[in-house]
Amino acid sequence: MSDLIVGLDIGTSNVRCLIGEVTVNAQTLEKEFQITGVGVAQSTGLRNGTIVNIESTSQAIKRAIEDAELMSGNQVYTVYTQINGCQVVTQDSHGAVAVVQKDPNSNTREISEEDKERVLESATAVPLSVDRTLISHVVQNYTVNETAVVKDPINMIGVRLEASVHLITASSTPLQNIYRCIQRAGFDTAEIQLNTLVAAQAATTKDERDVGSILIDMGGGSTDAIAFWDDAPICTASVNYGGDIITKDIAIVCGISFEAAERIKCLSGCAWEPILENYEPVMIPGVGGDSPKERSRNDICRIIQPRVLEIFSMLREKIIQNLGENARKMKGNIILVGGGAKLPGVMECAQMIFEPPHIHISNFSGINALPTEYRSPEFATALGLVVSNLDKHNKSASIPEIVEEEKGKGFFSSISGWFKELF
């Protein structure tokens, strides 16, 4: 017996698809999870993370999923996908309700699931403009009787229940374009989620999210960030610059095509000159019959480094602006994901701009289900789409439970059992 969870990351440079398969051992009835299919297709229909060509994007989606199907040996019908931070606006909201007295013969009021649902309805009932859609909300904490701040109030005694939530809204037009592209490719969309939010579920630990850390997704068309504190998101930020602008800089300065500049960036690029040695030569292809020219790797780095520092500086300003008073809580790690995180020297650039106590590039070392050859930061969003929906998918499928869900552990508690049991 098996069931599939498919994560589809529609990026500016590439479309990536991961197929996660949950199987149940017929003899032991124990669950097993692994990534069985991986597909990658070059993307040409997006600009700065926004779909600008429906047909090109649909074809890239189709190629990526078909490649993943071929590797997995399973047929895909429905996918979970993402939207990046450039089209997303987040805000904090607050709701409050009176706890319903369940037993008329008792003076105590015990908080139930119904009370939780009502307070969340209150917190998410915010007016939105006609061009925006609420795609998800994340509970930050609950307050009982205006004093006790908890992660889960179930079975507590109180007369007033409040909820603080983080709302994630997206522009309606990009959302419809995503649905349309996936439909034209021949598949259904289960849900659209924020890229950095799902990436964090694969690339960060609870300790990192507790102490106040920032995940930065370095994509081709944009660089997105999400800040966590007390195991809940408190801020998102995005700038419309990513790896593609670095490639364009190389192309302009060296007078070569975008494709040639991309190859040079990937093979010889570096974002931090002090780590280079001996002025390694880099061959610049000739254009229009001209002979190739030789430049040093340091010359290429002097093109890349200022742009990376600029992107991080812009992102830091937006994060500080969006955090407001919460900026003082950011004392944890910087975690880098996305294709741009593979560029040598990006950690040094991030260290210079953000000055965190620790910075690292995620390689998902705690998730054994991902094949070693794909344990790379550009798969963070696709992997996050799979693992973040394991628990949700499990509840909708007729599969026996492995572990009881832990209550009151914060935002990521819904998948904590899966991580402990499967990874």
Protein backbone atom coordinates (compact mmCIF):
# COMPACT_ATOMS: atom_id res chain seq x y z
CA MET A 1 0.00 0.00 0.00
CA SER A 2 1.39 3.44 -0.88
CA ASP A 3 0.40 7.08 -1.15
CA LEU A 4 2.09 10.03 -2.85
CA ILE A 5 2.88 13.58 -1.76
CA VAL A 6 4.21 15.68 -4.65
CA GLY A 7 6.06 18.96 -4.15
CA LEU A 8 6.37 21.29 -7.16
CA ASP A 9 8.71 24.29 -6.92
CA ILE A 10 8.05 26.67 -9.82
CA GLY A 11 11.17 28.81 -9.85
CA THR A 12 12.47 31.54 -12.13
CA SER A 13 15.42 29.44 -13.35
CA ASN A 14 14.12 25.90 -12.89
CA VAL A 15 11.00 23.92 -12.05
CA ARG A 16 11.70 21.14 -9.54
CA CYS A 17 9.44 18.26 -8.61
CA LEU A 18 9.87 15.78 -5.77
CA ILE A 19 7.65 12.74 -5.29
CA GLY A 20 7.44 11.48 -1.73
CA GLU A 21 5.98 8.03 -1.24
CA VAL A 22 4.44 6.76 1.98
CA THR A 23 4.23 3.00 2.10
CA VAL A 24 2.75 0.71 4.73
CA ASN A 25 4.44 -2.58 5.38
CA ALA A 26 1.78 -5.26 4.91
CA GLN A 27 3.19 -7.38 7.73
CA THR A 28 4.19 -4.83 10.40
CA LEU A 29 1.74 -2.03 9.38
CA GLU A 30 4.60 0.41 9.95
CA LYS A 31 4.94 3.44 7.71
CA GLU A 32 7.97 4.12 5.59
CA PHE A 33 8.66 7.35 3.72
CA GLN A 34 11.15 8.17 1.01
CA ILE A 35 11.65 10.45 -1.98
CA THR A 36 11.22 8.17 -4.99
CA GLY A 37 11.07 10.66 -7.85
CA VAL A 38 12.99 13.82 -8.78
CA GLY A 39 12.47 15.97 -11.86
CA VAL A 40 14.10 19.24 -12.94
CA ALA A 41 13.27 21.32 -16.01
CA GLN A 42 14.64 24.66 -17.12
CA SER A 43 12.15 27.47 -16.63
CA THR A 44 11.84 30.33 -19.12
CA GLY A 45 8.31 31.55 -18.40
CA LEU A 46 8.97 33.50 -15.20
CA ARG A 47 10.60 36.83 -14.46
CA ASN A 48 11.58 37.74 -10.89
CA GLY A 49 9.48 34.87 -9.59
CA THR A 50 6.34 35.96 -11.48
CA ILE A 51 4.80 33.97 -14.33
CA VAL A 52 4.94 35.98 -17.55
CA ASN A 53 4.42 33.15 -20.08
CA ILE A 54 1.71 30.59 -19.34
CA GLU A 55 2.63 28.14 -22.10
CA SER A 56 6.38 28.04 -21.37
CA THR A 57 5.74 27.58 -17.66
CA SER A 58 3.19 24.83 -18.28
CA GLN A 59 5.63 22.93 -20.49
CA ALA A 60 8.40 23.20 -17.88
CA ILE A 61 6.01 21.93 -15.19
CA LYS A 62 5.01 19.02 -17.40
CA ARG A 63 8.63 18.05 -18.13
CA ALA A 64 9.67 18.20 -14.47
CA ILE A 65 6.74 16.09 -13.28
CA GLU A 66 7.10 13.56 -16.09
CA ASP A 67 10.79 13.09 -15.25
CA ALA A 68 9.89 12.57 -11.58
CA GLU A 69 7.16 10.09 -12.57
CA LEU A 70 9.63 8.14 -14.71
CA MET A 71 12.06 7.84 -11.80
CA SER A 72 9.36 7.01 -9.27
CA GLY A 73 7.31 4.64 -11.38
CA ASN A 74 4.15 6.35 -10.13
CA GLN A 75 1.63 8.55 -11.87
CA VAL A 76 1.05 12.05 -10.46
CA TYR A 77 -2.39 13.64 -10.37
CA THR A 78 -2.19 16.35 -7.70
CA VAL A 79 0.67 18.56 -6.51
CA TYR A 80 1.46 20.95 -3.69
CA THR A 81 3.16 24.07 -4.98
CA GLN A 82 4.47 27.44 -3.81
CA ILE A 83 4.37 31.17 -4.36
CA ASN A 84 7.37 33.33 -3.60
CA GLY A 85 7.59 36.31 -1.31
CA CYS A 86 7.42 38.94 -4.03
CA GLN A 87 3.67 38.36 -4.42
CA VAL A 88 3.03 37.85 -0.70
CA VAL A 89 2.08 40.24 2.08
CA THR A 90 2.01 39.04 5.68
CA GLN A 91 0.55 40.62 8.77
CA ASP A 92 -0.14 39.77 12.38
CA SER A 93 -3.72 39.54 13.56
CA HIS A 94 -5.49 38.98 16.86
CA GLY A 95 -8.80 37.36 17.76
CA ALA A 96 -10.73 36.83 20.99
CA VAL A 97 -13.83 34.87 22.00
CA ALA A 98 -15.64 33.88 25.17
CA VAL A 99 -15.21 30.24 26.13
CA VAL A 100 -18.50 28.37 25.80
CA GLN A 101 -19.77 26.71 28.97
CA LYS A 102 -20.22 23.06 27.98
CA ASP A 103 -21.77 21.74 31.21
CA PRO A 104 -24.62 23.87 32.64
CA ASN A 105 -24.16 22.13 36.00
CA SER A 106 -20.53 23.18 36.28
CA ASN A 107 -19.06 26.61 36.99
CA THR A 108 -15.86 25.82 35.09
CA ARG A 109 -15.34 26.37 31.37
CA GLU A 110 -12.98 23.98 29.65
CA ILE A 111 -11.49 25.08 26.33
CA SER A 112 -12.34 22.72 23.46
CA GLU A 113 -11.48 22.34 19.78
CA GLU A 114 -14.66 24.26 18.99
CA ASP A 115 -13.38 27.23 20.99
CA LYS A 116 -10.08 27.08 19.13
CA GLU A 117 -11.86 27.07 15.80
CA ARG A 118 -13.98 30.07 16.78
CA VAL A 119 -11.03 32.14 17.96
CA LEU A 120 -9.11 31.36 14.77
CA GLU A 121 -12.13 32.40 12.71
CA SER A 122 -12.12 35.66 14.64
CA ALA A 123 -8.39 36.20 14.11
CA THR A 124 -8.49 35.49 10.38
CA ALA A 125 -11.65 37.52 9.68
CA VAL A 126 -9.77 40.58 8.44
CA PRO A 127 -10.84 42.77 5.52
CA LEU A 128 -8.79 42.23 2.36
CA SER A 129 -8.74 44.20 -0.86
CA VAL A 130 -10.43 42.59 -3.85
CA ASP A 131 -7.07 41.70 -5.43
CA ARG A 132 -5.72 39.75 -2.44
CA THR A 133 -6.41 36.23 -1.18
CA LEU A 134 -5.67 34.68 2.20
CA ILE A 135 -3.65 31.55 1.41
CA SER A 136 -2.79 30.44 4.95
CA HIS A 137 -2.42 31.46 8.57
CA VAL A 138 0.02 30.38 11.25
CA VAL A 139 -0.84 30.42 14.95
CA GLN A 140 1.83 32.17 17.01
CA ASN A 141 0.27 31.60 20.44
CA TYR A 142 -2.94 31.56 22.47
CA THR A 143 -3.76 33.58 25.57
CA VAL A 144 -6.14 32.29 28.25
CA ASN A 145 -7.84 34.82 30.55
CA GLU A 146 -5.43 37.54 29.37
CA THR A 147 -2.55 36.06 31.38
CA ALA A 148 -1.49 32.54 30.36
CA VAL A 149 0.30 32.51 26.97
CA VAL A 150 0.38 28.96 25.60
CA LYS A 151 0.88 27.05 22.36
CA ASP A 152 -2.21 24.86 22.80
CA PRO A 153 -5.07 25.79 25.18
CA ILE A 154 -7.07 22.56 24.84
CA ASN A 155 -8.51 21.37 28.20
CA MET A 156 -7.38 24.49 30.01
CA ILE A 157 -9.92 26.33 32.18
CA GLY A 158 -10.82 29.87 31.22
CA VAL A 159 -13.54 32.30 30.26
CA ARG A 160 -11.69 34.21 27.51
CA LEU A 161 -9.53 32.78 24.74
CA GLU A 162 -7.35 34.89 22.46
CA ALA A 163 -5.19 33.93 19.48
CA SER A 164 -2.28 35.69 17.79
CA VAL A 165 -1.84 34.58 14.18
CA HIS A 166 0.41 35.40 11.25
CA LEU A 167 -1.66 35.89 8.09
CA ILE A 168 -0.22 35.16 4.65
CA THR A 169 -1.98 36.81 1.72
CA ALA A 170 -1.10 36.76 -1.96
CA SER A 171 -2.09 38.74 -5.00
CA SER A 172 -4.99 37.00 -6.70
CA THR A 173 -3.67 37.26 -10.26
CA PRO A 174 -0.37 35.37 -9.67
CA LEU A 175 -2.32 32.72 -7.77
CA GLN A 176 -4.69 32.20 -10.69
CA ASN A 177 -1.75 32.02 -13.10
CA ILE A 178 -0.17 29.26 -11.01
CA TYR A 179 -3.41 27.27 -10.95
CA ARG A 180 -3.79 27.75 -14.69
CA CYS A 181 -0.25 26.64 -15.56
CA ILE A 182 -0.54 23.47 -13.50
CA GLN A 183 -3.95 22.70 -14.98
CA ARG A 184 -2.65 23.21 -18.54
CA ALA A 185 0.18 20.81 -17.73
CA GLY A 186 -2.48 18.19 -16.89
CA PHE A 187 -2.43 18.19 -13.08
CA ASP A 188 -4.48 19.44 -10.15
CA THR A 189 -3.30 21.78 -7.38
CA ALA A 190 -3.88 20.65 -3.81
CA GLU A 191 -2.60 23.84 -2.20
CA ILE A 192 -0.37 26.86 -2.82
CA GLN A 193 1.98 27.70 0.05
CA LEU A 194 4.62 30.33 0.81
CA ASN A 195 8.03 29.17 -0.44
CA THR A 196 10.10 30.24 2.58
CA LEU A 197 7.57 28.85 5.05
CA VAL A 198 7.71 25.34 3.60
CA ALA A 199 11.46 25.51 2.99
CA ALA A 200 11.95 26.23 6.69
CA GLN A 201 10.19 23.01 7.58
CA ALA A 202 12.88 21.06 5.74
CA ALA A 203 15.90 23.26 6.45
CA THR A 204 15.62 24.49 10.05
CA THR A 205 15.47 22.97 13.51
CA LYS A 206 13.09 23.84 16.34
CA ASP A 207 15.97 25.26 18.37
CA GLU A 208 16.85 27.62 15.52
CA ARG A 209 13.27 28.79 15.20
CA ASP A 210 12.93 29.23 18.96
CA VAL A 211 15.87 31.59 19.46
CA GLY A 212 15.09 33.93 16.58
CA SER A 213 16.59 32.84 13.24
CA ILE A 214 16.20 33.89 9.62
CA LEU A 215 15.93 31.59 6.61
CA ILE A 216 17.02 33.17 3.31
CA ASP A 217 16.00 31.58 0.00
CA MET A 218 18.36 32.72 -2.78
CA GLY A 219 16.43 32.09 -5.99
CA GLY A 220 17.06 33.05 -9.58
CA GLY A 221 14.56 35.91 -9.75
CA SER A 222 14.19 36.96 -6.12
CA THR A 223 15.73 36.60 -2.68
CA ASP A 224 13.17 35.84 0.04
CA ALA A 225 13.46 35.63 3.81
CA ILE A 226 11.35 34.52 6.74
CA ALA A 227 12.13 35.25 10.38
CA PHE A 228 11.16 32.94 13.26
CA TRP A 229 10.96 33.43 16.97
CA ASP A 230 9.47 31.11 19.59
CA ASP A 231 8.91 28.49 16.88
CA ALA A 232 6.60 30.72 14.84
CA PRO A 233 7.06 33.05 11.85
CA ILE A 234 6.98 36.75 12.73
CA CYS A 235 8.11 38.41 9.51
CA THR A 236 8.71 37.86 5.80
CA ALA A 237 10.68 39.98 3.34
CA SER A 238 11.64 39.81 -0.32
CA VAL A 239 13.69 41.69 -2.93
CA ASN A 240 13.25 41.31 -6.68
CA TYR A 241 16.88 40.39 -7.28
CA GLY A 242 18.47 36.96 -7.33
CA GLY A 243 20.95 34.85 -9.23
CA ASP A 244 19.79 36.07 -12.65
CA ILE A 245 20.86 39.67 -11.99
CA ILE A 246 24.34 38.41 -11.09
CA THR A 247 24.48 36.49 -14.37
CA LYS A 248 23.37 39.59 -16.28
CA ASP A 249 26.14 41.62 -14.61
CA ILE A 250 28.74 39.10 -15.78
CA ALA A 251 27.26 39.08 -19.29
CA ILE A 252 27.34 42.88 -19.57
CA VAL A 253 30.82 43.40 -18.15
CA CYS A 254 32.37 40.55 -20.16
CA GLY A 255 30.33 41.20 -23.32
CA ILE A 256 29.03 37.63 -23.60
CA SER A 257 25.67 35.88 -23.78
CA PHE A 258 23.52 35.18 -20.73
CA GLU A 259 24.03 31.43 -21.19
CA ALA A 260 27.83 31.78 -21.29
CA ALA A 261 27.75 34.07 -18.25
CA GLU A 262 25.65 31.53 -16.34
CA ARG A 263 28.20 28.81 -17.05
CA ILE A 264 31.04 31.03 -15.84
CA LYS A 265 29.10 31.93 -12.68
CA CYS A 266 28.37 28.29 -11.87
CA LEU A 267 31.85 26.95 -12.67
CA SER A 268 34.13 29.79 -11.63
CA GLY A 269 32.00 32.28 -9.73
CA CYS A 270 32.79 33.42 -6.20
CA ALA A 271 31.12 36.03 -4.00
CA TRP A 272 33.98 36.72 -1.57
CA GLU A 273 37.41 37.59 -2.97
CA PRO A 274 39.50 36.90 0.18
CA ILE A 275 38.88 33.15 -0.17
CA LEU A 276 40.40 33.06 -3.68
CA GLU A 277 44.00 32.14 -4.35
CA ASN A 278 46.56 32.59 -7.13
CA TYR A 279 44.37 34.47 -9.62
CA GLU A 280 42.99 31.37 -11.33
CA PRO A 281 42.37 31.94 -15.06
CA VAL A 282 38.84 31.94 -16.51
CA MET A 283 38.26 31.64 -20.26
CA ILE A 284 35.75 34.13 -21.64
CA PRO A 285 34.24 32.88 -24.93
CA GLY A 286 34.56 35.10 -27.96
CA VAL A 287 31.53 36.67 -29.63
CA GLY A 288 31.01 37.13 -33.36
CA GLY A 289 34.12 35.26 -34.39
CA ASP A 290 36.42 36.86 -31.81
CA SER A 291 38.98 34.69 -30.04
CA PRO A 292 38.36 33.67 -26.41
CA LYS A 293 39.94 35.91 -23.80
CA GLU A 294 41.40 35.09 -20.45
CA ARG A 295 40.41 36.84 -17.22
CA SER A 296 41.15 35.95 -13.64
CA ARG A 297 38.66 34.43 -11.25
CA ASN A 298 39.27 37.49 -9.07
CA ASP A 299 37.96 39.71 -11.88
CA ILE A 300 34.75 37.68 -12.01
CA CYS A 301 34.46 37.86 -8.22
CA ARG A 302 34.71 41.68 -8.37
CA ILE A 303 31.57 41.61 -10.53
CA ILE A 304 29.68 39.19 -8.29
CA GLN A 305 30.62 40.32 -4.77
CA PRO A 306 29.18 43.88 -4.89
CA ARG A 307 25.85 42.59 -6.21
CA VAL A 308 25.55 39.87 -3.54
CA LEU A 309 26.36 42.39 -0.81
CA GLU A 310 23.78 44.77 -2.27
CA ILE A 311 21.08 42.08 -2.33
CA PHE A 312 21.78 41.11 1.29
CA SER A 313 21.83 44.78 2.36
CA MET A 314 18.46 45.45 0.71
CA LEU A 315 17.00 42.32 2.27
CA ARG A 316 18.32 43.23 5.72
CA GLU A 317 16.72 46.68 5.51
CA LYS A 318 13.37 45.15 4.60
CA ILE A 319 13.59 42.58 7.39
CA ILE A 320 14.37 45.25 9.99
CA GLN A 321 11.57 47.43 8.67
CA ASN A 322 9.04 44.57 8.77
CA LEU A 323 10.17 43.28 12.16
CA GLY A 324 9.80 46.60 13.95
CA GLU A 325 10.12 46.01 17.68
CA ASN A 326 10.68 42.30 17.06
CA ALA A 327 14.12 43.05 15.58
CA ARG A 328 15.67 42.67 19.03
CA LYS A 329 14.57 39.01 19.05
CA MET A 330 16.79 38.09 16.09
CA LYS A 331 19.73 36.51 17.92
CA GLY A 332 19.85 33.15 16.18
CA ASN A 333 21.21 31.66 12.98
CA ILE A 334 21.06 32.60 9.33
CA ILE A 335 20.13 29.56 7.24
CA LEU A 336 20.73 29.79 3.49
CA VAL A 337 18.82 27.77 0.89
CA GLY A 338 18.12 28.09 -2.82
CA GLY A 339 20.35 27.75 -5.86
CA GLY A 340 22.23 30.96 -5.06
CA ALA A 341 23.41 29.47 -1.77
CA LYS A 342 25.73 27.17 -3.74
CA LEU A 343 27.86 30.11 -4.88
CA PRO A 344 31.17 30.09 -2.95
CA GLY A 345 31.51 33.05 -0.64
CA VAL A 346 27.81 33.75 -0.02
CA MET A 347 28.14 32.80 3.64
CA GLU A 348 30.94 35.32 4.09
CA CYS A 349 28.81 38.02 2.42
CA ALA A 350 25.83 37.20 4.62
CA GLN A 351 28.06 37.21 7.69
CA MET A 352 29.30 40.69 6.82
CA ILE A 353 25.81 42.14 6.35
CA PHE A 354 23.76 40.32 9.02
CA GLU A 355 26.49 39.58 11.61
CA PRO A 356 24.71 36.52 13.05
CA PRO A 357 26.29 34.29 15.71
CA HIS A 358 26.22 31.42 13.22
CA ILE A 359 25.43 30.95 9.55
CA HIS A 360 25.18 27.79 7.46
CA ILE A 361 23.84 26.35 4.22
CA SER A 362 21.22 23.69 4.80
CA ASN A 363 21.87 20.20 3.45
CA PHE A 364 18.86 18.51 5.16
CA SER A 365 21.17 16.18 7.07
CA GLY A 366 18.31 15.10 9.34
CA ILE A 367 16.11 13.88 6.47
CA ASN A 368 17.30 10.47 5.37
CA ALA A 369 14.49 10.08 2.85
CA LEU A 370 16.23 12.41 0.35
CA PRO A 371 18.79 10.75 -1.97
CA THR A 372 22.35 11.99 -1.40
CA GLU A 373 22.77 13.37 -4.92
CA TYR A 374 19.85 15.72 -4.38
CA ARG A 375 20.87 16.89 -0.90
CA SER A 376 21.43 20.41 -2.20
CA PRO A 377 20.00 23.80 -1.08
CA GLU A 378 18.05 24.39 -4.30
CA PHE A 379 15.72 21.52 -3.36
CA ALA A 380 14.67 23.12 -0.05
CA THR A 381 11.28 24.38 -1.23
CA ALA A 382 10.28 21.22 -3.10
CA LEU A 383 11.33 19.06 -0.16
CA GLY A 384 9.53 21.37 2.26
CA LEU A 385 6.34 21.03 0.23
CA VAL A 386 6.53 17.27 0.67
CA VAL A 387 7.45 17.01 4.36
CA SER A 388 5.16 19.85 5.45
CA ASN A 389 2.15 18.03 4.02
CA LEU A 390 2.92 14.56 5.34
CA ASP A 391 0.72 14.89 8.40
CA LYS A 392 -2.10 16.55 6.48
CA HIS A 393 -1.95 13.93 3.76
CA ASN A 394 -1.83 11.16 6.34
CA LYS A 395 -5.07 12.32 7.94
CA SER A 396 -6.88 12.26 4.61
CA ALA A 397 -5.63 8.79 3.73
CA SER A 398 -6.76 5.52 5.25
CA ILE A 399 -3.37 4.69 6.75
CA PRO A 400 -2.88 3.50 10.34
CA GLU A 401 -1.33 6.00 12.76
CA ILE A 402 2.27 5.48 13.81
CA VAL A 403 2.54 7.94 16.66
CA GLU A 404 0.19 10.20 18.51
CA GLU A 405 0.53 13.81 17.46
CA GLU A 406 2.29 15.87 20.10
CA LYS A 407 0.26 18.78 21.34
CA GLY A 408 1.43 22.23 22.29
CA LYS A 409 4.86 22.09 20.64
CA GLY A 410 4.42 25.15 18.47
CA PHE A 411 3.96 25.84 14.78
CA PHE A 412 5.76 22.71 13.57
CA SER A 413 4.13 20.28 16.00
CA SER A 414 1.89 18.82 13.32
CA ILE A 415 4.82 17.10 11.60
CA SER A 416 6.96 16.42 14.66
CA GLY A 417 5.78 12.82 14.86
CA TRP A 418 6.70 12.21 11.23
CA PHE A 419 10.19 13.59 11.67
CA LYS A 420 10.83 11.50 14.78
CA GLU A 421 9.50 8.31 13.25
CA LEU A 422 10.58 8.60 9.63
CA PHE A 423 13.76 10.65 9.60
